[in-house]
């Protein structure tokens, strides 16, 4: 399956990070998980400058910010937009 690059930013033991991974894994999408706490360094600094959230779980598809848990669940379950995004159709 051809797909765009998917990156999920999380933090240690994040329930919402785990819940955000589920639809990606269930559909068989390859994605990179970046833990902004343990990976820290440049990834954390970039994330803090780009997305300022207190609760960290955020998905980027092909470098474009998509959203966190609520957004992923909405575009996956209701509209099918997640499939189109990951496959590069949107």
PDB file of N, CA and C in Angstrom:
ATOM      1  N   UNK A   1       0.839  -1.167   0.000  1.00  0.00           N
ATOM      2  CA  UNK A   1       0.000   0.000   0.000  1.00  0.00           C
ATOM      3  C   UNK A   1       0.891   1.239   0.000  1.00  0.00           C
ATOM      4  N   UNK A   2       0.631   2.148  -0.895  1.00  0.00           N
ATOM      5  CA  UNK A   2       1.344   3.428  -0.909  1.00  0.00           C
ATOM      6  C   UNK A   2       0.707   4.336   0.124  1.00  0.00           C
ATOM      7  N   UNK A   3       1.555   4.964   0.899  1.00  0.00           N
ATOM      8  CA  UNK A   3       1.031   5.890   1.889  1.00  0.00           C
ATOM      9  C   UNK A   3       2.015   7.022   2.111  1.00  0.00           C
ATOM     10  N   UNK A   4       1.505   8.097   2.642  1.00  0.00           N
ATOM     11  CA  UNK A   4       2.316   9.246   2.995  1.00  0.00           C
ATOM     12  C   UNK A   4       3.017   8.954   4.318  1.00  0.00           C
ATOM     13  N   UNK A   5       4.035   9.763   4.634  1.00  0.00           N
ATOM     14  CA  UNK A   5       4.722   9.617   5.915  1.00  0.00           C
ATOM     15  C   UNK A   5       3.791  10.055   7.044  1.00  0.00           C
ATOM     16  N   UNK A   6       3.668   9.210   8.066  1.00  0.00           N
ATOM     17  CA  UNK A   6       2.815   9.504   9.216  1.00  0.00           C
ATOM     18  C   UNK A   6       3.691   9.513  10.462  1.00  0.00           C
ATOM     19  N   UNK A   7       3.608  10.609  11.230  1.00  0.00           N
ATOM     20  CA  UNK A   7       4.381  10.728  12.464  1.00  0.00           C
ATOM     21  C   UNK A   7       3.412  11.088  13.583  1.00  0.00           C
ATOM     22  N   UNK A   8       3.502  10.339  14.682  1.00  0.00           N
ATOM     23  CA  UNK A   8       2.676  10.586  15.858  1.00  0.00           C
ATOM     24  C   UNK A   8       3.584  11.021  17.000  1.00  0.00           C
ATOM     25  N   UNK A   9       3.346  12.214  17.515  1.00  0.00           N
ATOM     26  CA  UNK A   9       4.088  12.714  18.667  1.00  0.00           C
ATOM     27  C   UNK A   9       3.297  12.372  19.924  1.00  0.00           C
ATOM     28  N   UNK A  10       3.972  11.751  20.893  1.00  0.00           N
ATOM     29  CA  UNK A  10       3.333  11.348  22.146  1.00  0.00           C
ATOM     30  C   UNK A  10       4.223  11.725  23.320  1.00  0.00           C
ATOM     31  N   UNK A  11       3.750  11.380  24.517  1.00  0.00           N
ATOM     32  CA  UNK A  11       4.578  11.507  25.716  1.00  0.00           C
ATOM     33  C   UNK A  11       4.501  10.191  26.480  1.00  0.00           C
ATOM     34  N   UNK A  12       5.354  10.004  27.454  1.00  0.00           N
ATOM     35  CA  UNK A  12       5.415   8.758  28.220  1.00  0.00           C
ATOM     36  C   UNK A  12       4.042   8.327  28.730  1.00  0.00           C
ATOM     37  N   UNK A  13       3.736   7.052  28.520  1.00  0.00           N
ATOM     38  CA  UNK A  13       2.527   6.432  29.064  1.00  0.00           C
ATOM     39  C   UNK A  13       1.269   7.261  28.845  1.00  0.00           C
ATOM     40  N   UNK A  14       1.114   7.793  27.681  1.00  0.00           N
ATOM     41  CA  UNK A  14      -0.040   8.634  27.361  1.00  0.00           C
ATOM     42  C   UNK A  14      -1.201   7.767  26.891  1.00  0.00           C
ATOM     43  N   UNK A  15      -2.300   7.801  27.635  1.00  0.00           N
ATOM     44  CA  UNK A  15      -3.492   7.054  27.258  1.00  0.00           C
ATOM     45  C   UNK A  15      -4.014   7.525  25.903  1.00  0.00           C
ATOM     46  N   UNK A  16      -4.065   8.826  25.705  1.00  0.00           N
ATOM     47  CA  UNK A  16      -4.559   9.351  24.438  1.00  0.00           C
ATOM     48  C   UNK A  16      -3.593   9.078  23.294  1.00  0.00           C
ATOM     49  N   UNK A  17      -2.301   9.042  23.593  1.00  0.00           N
ATOM     50  CA  UNK A  17      -1.339   8.651  22.565  1.00  0.00           C
ATOM     51  C   UNK A  17      -1.578   7.221  22.115  1.00  0.00           C
ATOM     52  N   UNK A  18      -1.793   6.336  23.073  1.00  0.00           N
ATOM     53  CA  UNK A  18      -2.099   4.933  22.761  1.00  0.00           C
ATOM     54  C   UNK A  18      -3.387   4.827  21.969  1.00  0.00           C
ATOM     55  N   UNK A  19      -4.414   5.578  22.393  1.00  0.00           N
ATOM     56  CA  UNK A  19      -5.699   5.548  21.683  1.00  0.00           C
ATOM     57  C   UNK A  19      -5.582   6.132  20.278  1.00  0.00           C
ATOM     58  N   UNK A  20      -4.692   7.082  20.082  1.00  0.00           N
ATOM     59  CA  UNK A  20      -4.493   7.664  18.761  1.00  0.00           C
ATOM     60  C   UNK A  20      -3.792   6.675  17.833  1.00  0.00           C
ATOM     61  N   UNK A  21      -2.926   5.820  18.397  1.00  0.00           N
ATOM     62  CA  UNK A  21      -2.228   4.806  17.596  1.00  0.00           C
ATOM     63  C   UNK A  21      -3.158   3.712  17.085  1.00  0.00           C
ATOM     64  N   UNK A  22      -4.201   3.426  17.815  1.00  0.00           N
ATOM     65  CA  UNK A  22      -5.065   2.291  17.484  1.00  0.00           C
ATOM     66  C   UNK A  22      -5.639   2.327  16.065  1.00  0.00           C
ATOM     67  N   UNK A  23      -6.276   3.427  15.630  1.00  0.00           N
ATOM     68  CA  UNK A  23      -6.814   3.411  14.264  1.00  0.00           C
ATOM     69  C   UNK A  23      -5.726   3.328  13.198  1.00  0.00           C
ATOM     70  N   UNK A  24      -4.556   3.900  13.490  1.00  0.00           N
ATOM     71  CA  UNK A  24      -3.458   3.826  12.523  1.00  0.00           C
ATOM     72  C   UNK A  24      -2.978   2.382  12.383  1.00  0.00           C
ATOM     73  N   UNK A  25      -2.781   1.718  13.508  1.00  0.00           N
ATOM     74  CA  UNK A  25      -2.340   0.325  13.489  1.00  0.00           C
ATOM     75  C   UNK A  25      -3.399  -0.613  12.954  1.00  0.00           C
ATOM     76  N   UNK A  26      -4.649  -0.373  13.309  1.00  0.00           N
ATOM     77  CA  UNK A  26      -5.755  -1.225  12.870  1.00  0.00           C
ATOM     78  C   UNK A  26      -5.862  -1.238  11.341  1.00  0.00           C
ATOM     79  N   UNK A  27      -5.574  -0.122  10.725  1.00  0.00           N
ATOM     80  CA  UNK A  27      -5.649  -0.034   9.267  1.00  0.00           C
ATOM     81  C   UNK A  27      -4.356  -0.471   8.593  1.00  0.00           C
ATOM     82  N   UNK A  28      -3.345  -0.797   9.392  1.00  0.00           N
ATOM     83  CA  UNK A  28      -2.090  -1.279   8.828  1.00  0.00           C
ATOM     84  C   UNK A  28      -1.168  -0.186   8.317  1.00  0.00           C
ATOM     85  N   UNK A  29      -1.379   1.049   8.761  1.00  0.00           N
ATOM     86  CA  UNK A  29      -0.518   2.140   8.334  1.00  0.00           C
ATOM     87  C   UNK A  29       0.810   2.078   9.071  1.00  0.00           C
ATOM     88  N   UNK A  30       1.876   2.315   8.365  1.00  0.00           N
ATOM     89  CA  UNK A  30       3.184   2.447   8.995  1.00  0.00           C
ATOM     90  C   UNK A  30       3.276   3.869   9.526  1.00  0.00           C
ATOM     91  N   UNK A  31       3.715   4.003  10.766  1.00  0.00           N
ATOM     92  CA  UNK A  31       3.872   5.335  11.331  1.00  0.00           C
ATOM     93  C   UNK A  31       5.043   5.343  12.298  1.00  0.00           C
ATOM     94  N   UNK A  32       5.610   6.514  12.461  1.00  0.00           N
ATOM     95  CA  UNK A  32       6.706   6.703  13.402  1.00  0.00           C
ATOM     96  C   UNK A  32       6.141   7.360  14.652  1.00  0.00           C
ATOM     97  N   UNK A  33       6.465   6.795  15.791  1.00  0.00           N
ATOM     98  CA  UNK A  33       6.069   7.418  17.053  1.00  0.00           C
ATOM     99  C   UNK A  33       7.281   8.145  17.617  1.00  0.00           C
ATOM    100  N   UNK A  34       7.105   9.416  17.925  1.00  0.00           N
ATOM    101  CA  UNK A  34       8.163  10.210  18.532  1.00  0.00           C
ATOM    102  C   UNK A  34       7.688  10.597  19.924  1.00  0.00           C
ATOM    103  N   UNK A  35       8.378  10.098  20.945  1.00  0.00           N
ATOM    104  CA  UNK A  35       8.060  10.429  22.323  1.00  0.00           C
ATOM    105  C   UNK A  35       8.810  11.711  22.653  1.00  0.00           C
ATOM    106  N   UNK A  36       8.078  12.799  22.838  1.00  0.00           N
ATOM    107  CA  UNK A  36       8.733  14.101  23.029  1.00  0.00           C
ATOM    108  C   UNK A  36       9.401  14.226  24.393  1.00  0.00           C
ATOM    109  N   UNK A  37       9.107  13.302  25.311  1.00  0.00           N
ATOM    110  CA  UNK A  37       9.763  13.330  26.610  1.00  0.00           C
ATOM    111  C   UNK A  37      11.091  12.605  26.548  1.00  0.00           C
ATOM    112  N   UNK A  38      11.079  11.360  26.094  1.00  0.00           N
ATOM    113  CA  UNK A  38      12.314  10.576  26.086  1.00  0.00           C
ATOM    114  C   UNK A  38      13.198  10.893  24.893  1.00  0.00           C
ATOM    115  N   UNK A  39      12.585  11.201  23.734  1.00  0.00           N
ATOM    116  CA  UNK A  39      13.398  11.544  22.567  1.00  0.00           C
ATOM    117  C   UNK A  39      13.940  12.966  22.709  1.00  0.00           C
ATOM    118  N   UNK A  40      13.125  13.820  23.356  1.00  0.00           N
ATOM    119  CA  UNK A  40      13.541  15.178  23.694  1.00  0.00           C
ATOM    120  C   UNK A  40      14.312  15.893  22.615  1.00  0.00           C
ATOM    121  N   UNK A  41      15.275  16.653  23.040  1.00  0.00           N
ATOM    122  CA  UNK A  41      16.174  17.359  22.137  1.00  0.00           C
ATOM    123  C   UNK A  41      15.475  18.170  21.074  1.00  0.00           C
ATOM    124  N   UNK A  42      15.928  17.990  19.842  1.00  0.00           N
ATOM    125  CA  UNK A  42      15.407  18.773  18.721  1.00  0.00           C
ATOM    126  C   UNK A  42      13.940  18.494  18.458  1.00  0.00           C
ATOM    127  N   UNK A  43      13.510  17.220  18.612  1.00  0.00           N
ATOM    128  CA  UNK A  43      12.101  16.900  18.384  1.00  0.00           C
ATOM    129  C   UNK A  43      11.208  17.653  19.357  1.00  0.00           C
ATOM    130  N   UNK A  44      11.597  17.697  20.622  1.00  0.00           N
ATOM    131  CA  UNK A  44      10.787  18.391  21.629  1.00  0.00           C
ATOM    132  C   UNK A  44      10.760  19.890  21.364  1.00  0.00           C
ATOM    133  N   UNK A  45      11.897  20.453  21.056  1.00  0.00           N
ATOM    134  CA  UNK A  45      11.961  21.893  20.791  1.00  0.00           C
ATOM    135  C   UNK A  45      11.124  22.245  19.563  1.00  0.00           C
ATOM    136  N   UNK A  46      11.222  21.430  18.510  1.00  0.00           N
ATOM    137  CA  UNK A  46      10.432  21.679  17.304  1.00  0.00           C
ATOM    138  C   UNK A  46       8.944  21.557  17.607  1.00  0.00           C
ATOM    139  N   UNK A  47       8.564  20.515  18.345  1.00  0.00           N
ATOM    140  CA  UNK A  47       7.156  20.308  18.675  1.00  0.00           C
ATOM    141  C   UNK A  47       6.617  21.477  19.492  1.00  0.00           C
ATOM    142  N   UNK A  48       7.376  21.919  20.480  1.00  0.00           N
ATOM    143  CA  UNK A  48       6.930  23.036  21.320  1.00  0.00           C
ATOM    144  C   UNK A  48       6.746  24.316  20.512  1.00  0.00           C
ATOM    145  N   UNK A  49       7.607  24.536  19.517  1.00  0.00           N
ATOM    146  CA  UNK A  49       7.469  25.730  18.669  1.00  0.00           C
ATOM    147  C   UNK A  49       6.295  25.595  17.705  1.00  0.00           C
ATOM    148  N   UNK A  50       6.061  24.398  17.217  1.00  0.00           N
ATOM    149  CA  UNK A  50       5.051  24.177  16.177  1.00  0.00           C
ATOM    150  C   UNK A  50       3.656  23.987  16.748  1.00  0.00           C
ATOM    151  N   UNK A  51       3.546  23.135  17.728  1.00  0.00           N
ATOM    152  CA  UNK A  51       2.254  22.799  18.324  1.00  0.00           C
ATOM    153  C   UNK A  51       2.387  22.983  19.820  1.00  0.00           C
ATOM    154  N   UNK A  52       1.658  23.917  20.377  1.00  0.00           N
ATOM    155  CA  UNK A  52       1.749  24.118  21.825  1.00  0.00           C
ATOM    156  C   UNK A  52       0.516  23.504  22.485  1.00  0.00           C
ATOM    157  N   UNK A  53       0.674  22.281  22.958  1.00  0.00           N
ATOM    158  CA  UNK A  53      -0.410  21.559  23.621  1.00  0.00           C
ATOM    159  C   UNK A  53       0.048  21.098  24.994  1.00  0.00           C
ATOM    160  N   UNK A  54      -0.861  21.110  25.947  1.00  0.00           N
ATOM    161  CA  UNK A  54      -0.519  20.558  27.250  1.00  0.00           C
ATOM    162  C   UNK A  54      -0.607  19.042  27.214  1.00  0.00           C
ATOM    163  N   UNK A  55      -1.566  18.526  26.483  1.00  0.00           N
ATOM    164  CA  UNK A  55      -1.725  17.080  26.358  1.00  0.00           C
ATOM    165  C   UNK A  55      -1.148  16.690  25.000  1.00  0.00           C
ATOM    166  N   UNK A  56      -0.037  16.007  25.011  1.00  0.00           N
ATOM    167  CA  UNK A  56       0.686  15.736  23.767  1.00  0.00           C
ATOM    168  C   UNK A  56       0.212  14.433  23.137  1.00  0.00           C
ATOM    169  N   UNK A  57      -0.375  14.516  22.012  1.00  0.00           N
ATOM    170  CA  UNK A  57      -0.584  13.447  21.056  1.00  0.00           C
ATOM    171  C   UNK A  57      -1.041  14.163  19.804  1.00  0.00           C
ATOM    172  N   UNK A  58      -0.238  14.113  18.795  1.00  0.00           N
ATOM    173  CA  UNK A  58      -0.542  14.879  17.601  1.00  0.00           C
ATOM    174  C   UNK A  58       0.000  14.152  16.393  1.00  0.00           C
ATOM    175  N   UNK A  59      -0.806  14.068  15.331  1.00  0.00           N
ATOM    176  CA  UNK A  59      -0.437  13.337  14.128  1.00  0.00           C
ATOM    177  C   UNK A  59      -0.131  14.320  13.006  1.00  0.00           C
ATOM    178  N   UNK A  60       0.974  14.047  12.309  1.00  0.00           N
ATOM    179  CA  UNK A  60       1.330  14.761  11.094  1.00  0.00           C
ATOM    180  C   UNK A  60       1.322  13.757   9.954  1.00  0.00           C
ATOM    181  N   UNK A  61       0.723  14.124   8.832  1.00  0.00           N
ATOM    182  CA  UNK A  61       0.748  13.291   7.629  1.00  0.00           C
ATOM    183  C   UNK A  61       1.472  14.070   6.552  1.00  0.00           C
ATOM    184  N   UNK A  62       2.563  13.522   6.082  1.00  0.00           N
ATOM    185  CA  UNK A  62       3.398  14.163   5.065  1.00  0.00           C
ATOM    186  C   UNK A  62       3.802  15.580   5.480  1.00  0.00           C
ATOM    187  N   UNK A  63       4.113  15.729   6.771  1.00  0.00           N
ATOM    188  CA  UNK A  63       4.543  17.024   7.287  1.00  0.00           C
ATOM    189  C   UNK A  63       3.427  17.999   7.584  1.00  0.00           C
ATOM    190  N   UNK A  64       2.189  17.634   7.280  1.00  0.00           N
ATOM    191  CA  UNK A  64       1.048  18.518   7.542  1.00  0.00           C
ATOM    192  C   UNK A  64       0.401  18.161   8.865  1.00  0.00           C
ATOM    193  N   UNK A  65       0.146  19.143   9.739  1.00  0.00           N
ATOM    194  CA  UNK A  65      -0.510  18.839  11.003  1.00  0.00           C
ATOM    195  C   UNK A  65      -1.958  18.405  10.767  1.00  0.00           C
ATOM    196  N   UNK A  66      -2.327  17.279  11.354  1.00  0.00           N
ATOM    197  CA  UNK A  66      -3.682  16.762  11.200  1.00  0.00           C
ATOM    198  C   UNK A  66      -4.484  16.985  12.468  1.00  0.00           C
ATOM    199  N   UNK A  67      -3.974  16.525  13.609  1.00  0.00           N
ATOM    200  CA  UNK A  67      -4.683  16.725  14.863  1.00  0.00           C
ATOM    201  C   UNK A  67      -4.368  15.640  15.859  1.00  0.00           C
ATOM    202  N   UNK A  68      -5.028  15.733  16.993  1.00  0.00           N
ATOM    203  CA  UNK A  68      -4.837  14.776  18.066  1.00  0.00           C
ATOM    204  C   UNK A  68      -5.898  13.697  18.050  1.00  0.00           C
ATOM    205  N   UNK A  69      -6.102  13.100  19.200  1.00  0.00           N
ATOM    206  CA  UNK A  69      -7.011  11.965  19.348  1.00  0.00           C
ATOM    207  C   UNK A  69      -8.408  12.254  18.806  1.00  0.00           C
ATOM    208  N   UNK A  70      -9.010  13.353  19.239  1.00  0.00           N
ATOM    209  CA  UNK A  70     -10.382  13.670  18.823  1.00  0.00           C
ATOM    210  C   UNK A  70     -10.504  13.806  17.312  1.00  0.00           C
ATOM    211  N   UNK A  71      -9.562  14.477  16.703  1.00  0.00           N
ATOM    212  CA  UNK A  71      -9.603  14.686  15.252  1.00  0.00           C
ATOM    213  C   UNK A  71      -9.408  13.359  14.517  1.00  0.00           C
ATOM    214  N   UNK A  72      -8.432  12.563  14.947  1.00  0.00           N
ATOM    215  CA  UNK A  72      -8.177  11.283  14.281  1.00  0.00           C
ATOM    216  C   UNK A  72      -9.396  10.380  14.363  1.00  0.00           C
ATOM    217  N   UNK A  73     -10.027  10.308  15.521  1.00  0.00           N
ATOM    218  CA  UNK A  73     -11.215   9.472  15.664  1.00  0.00           C
ATOM    219  C   UNK A  73     -12.349   9.970  14.767  1.00  0.00           C
ATOM    220  N   UNK A  74     -12.509  11.267  14.666  1.00  0.00           N
ATOM    221  CA  UNK A  74     -13.575  11.831  13.841  1.00  0.00           C
ATOM    222  C   UNK A  74     -13.337  11.559  12.364  1.00  0.00           C
ATOM    223  N   UNK A  75     -12.142  11.814  11.877  1.00  0.00           N
ATOM    224  CA  UNK A  75     -11.907  11.645  10.440  1.00  0.00           C
ATOM    225  C   UNK A  75     -11.745  10.173  10.063  1.00  0.00           C
ATOM    226  N   UNK A  76     -11.468   9.312  11.032  1.00  0.00           N
ATOM    227  CA  UNK A  76     -11.374   7.885  10.742  1.00  0.00           C
ATOM    228  C   UNK A  76     -12.754   7.255  10.710  1.00  0.00           C
ATOM    229  N   UNK A  77     -13.515   7.424  11.756  1.00  0.00           N
ATOM    230  CA  UNK A  77     -14.771   6.700  11.899  1.00  0.00           C
ATOM    231  C   UNK A  77     -15.918   7.272  11.093  1.00  0.00           C
ATOM    232  N   UNK A  78     -15.980   8.552  10.961  1.00  0.00           N
ATOM    233  CA  UNK A  78     -17.166   9.153  10.358  1.00  0.00           C
ATOM    234  C   UNK A  78     -17.037   9.471   8.879  1.00  0.00           C
ATOM    235  N   UNK A  79     -15.903   9.966   8.472  1.00  0.00           N
ATOM    236  CA  UNK A  79     -15.830  10.486   7.105  1.00  0.00           C
ATOM    237  C   UNK A  79     -14.895   9.722   6.180  1.00  0.00           C
ATOM    238  N   UNK A  80     -14.008   8.904   6.739  1.00  0.00           N
ATOM    239  CA  UNK A  80     -13.037   8.205   5.900  1.00  0.00           C
ATOM    240  C   UNK A  80     -11.916   9.093   5.405  1.00  0.00           C
ATOM    241  N   UNK A  81     -11.836  10.308   5.918  1.00  0.00           N
ATOM    242  CA  UNK A  81     -10.813  11.245   5.482  1.00  0.00           C
ATOM    243  C   UNK A  81      -9.418  10.768   5.850  1.00  0.00           C
ATOM    244  N   UNK A  82      -9.287  10.040   6.964  1.00  0.00           N
ATOM    245  CA  UNK A  82      -7.976   9.535   7.368  1.00  0.00           C
ATOM    246  C   UNK A  82      -7.380   8.656   6.273  1.00  0.00           C
ATOM    247  N   UNK A  83      -8.172   7.779   5.703  1.00  0.00           N
ATOM    248  CA  UNK A  83      -7.680   6.925   4.609  1.00  0.00           C
ATOM    249  C   UNK A  83      -7.184   7.753   3.436  1.00  0.00           C
ATOM    250  N   UNK A  84      -7.959   8.742   3.057  1.00  0.00           N
ATOM    251  CA  UNK A  84      -7.573   9.580   1.920  1.00  0.00           C
ATOM    252  C   UNK A  84      -6.326  10.403   2.218  1.00  0.00           C
ATOM    253  N   UNK A  85      -6.199  10.898   3.438  1.00  0.00           N
ATOM    254  CA  UNK A  85      -4.999  11.648   3.821  1.00  0.00           C
ATOM    255  C   UNK A  85      -3.752  10.785   3.752  1.00  0.00           C
ATOM    256  N   UNK A  86      -3.816   9.610   4.361  1.00  0.00           N
ATOM    257  CA  UNK A  86      -2.649   8.738   4.430  1.00  0.00           C
ATOM    258  C   UNK A  86      -2.279   8.221   3.046  1.00  0.00           C
ATOM    259  N   UNK A  87      -3.247   8.034   2.180  1.00  0.00           N
ATOM    260  CA  UNK A  87      -2.965   7.548   0.835  1.00  0.00           C
ATOM    261  C   UNK A  87      -2.621   8.668  -0.137  1.00  0.00           C
ATOM    262  N   UNK A  88      -2.607   9.911   0.351  1.00  0.00           N
ATOM    263  CA  UNK A  88      -2.192  11.039  -0.477  1.00  0.00           C
ATOM    264  C   UNK A  88      -3.238  11.534  -1.442  1.00  0.00           C
ATOM    265  N   UNK A  89      -4.498  11.264  -1.143  1.00  0.00           N
ATOM    266  CA  UNK A  89      -5.584  11.686  -2.037  1.00  0.00           C
ATOM    267  C   UNK A  89      -6.175  13.035  -1.652  1.00  0.00           C
ATOM    268  N   UNK A  90      -5.778  13.563  -0.515  1.00  0.00           N
ATOM    269  CA  UNK A  90      -6.320  14.861  -0.059  1.00  0.00           C
ATOM    270  C   UNK A  90      -5.176  15.828   0.048  1.00  0.00           C
TER     271      UNK A  90
END
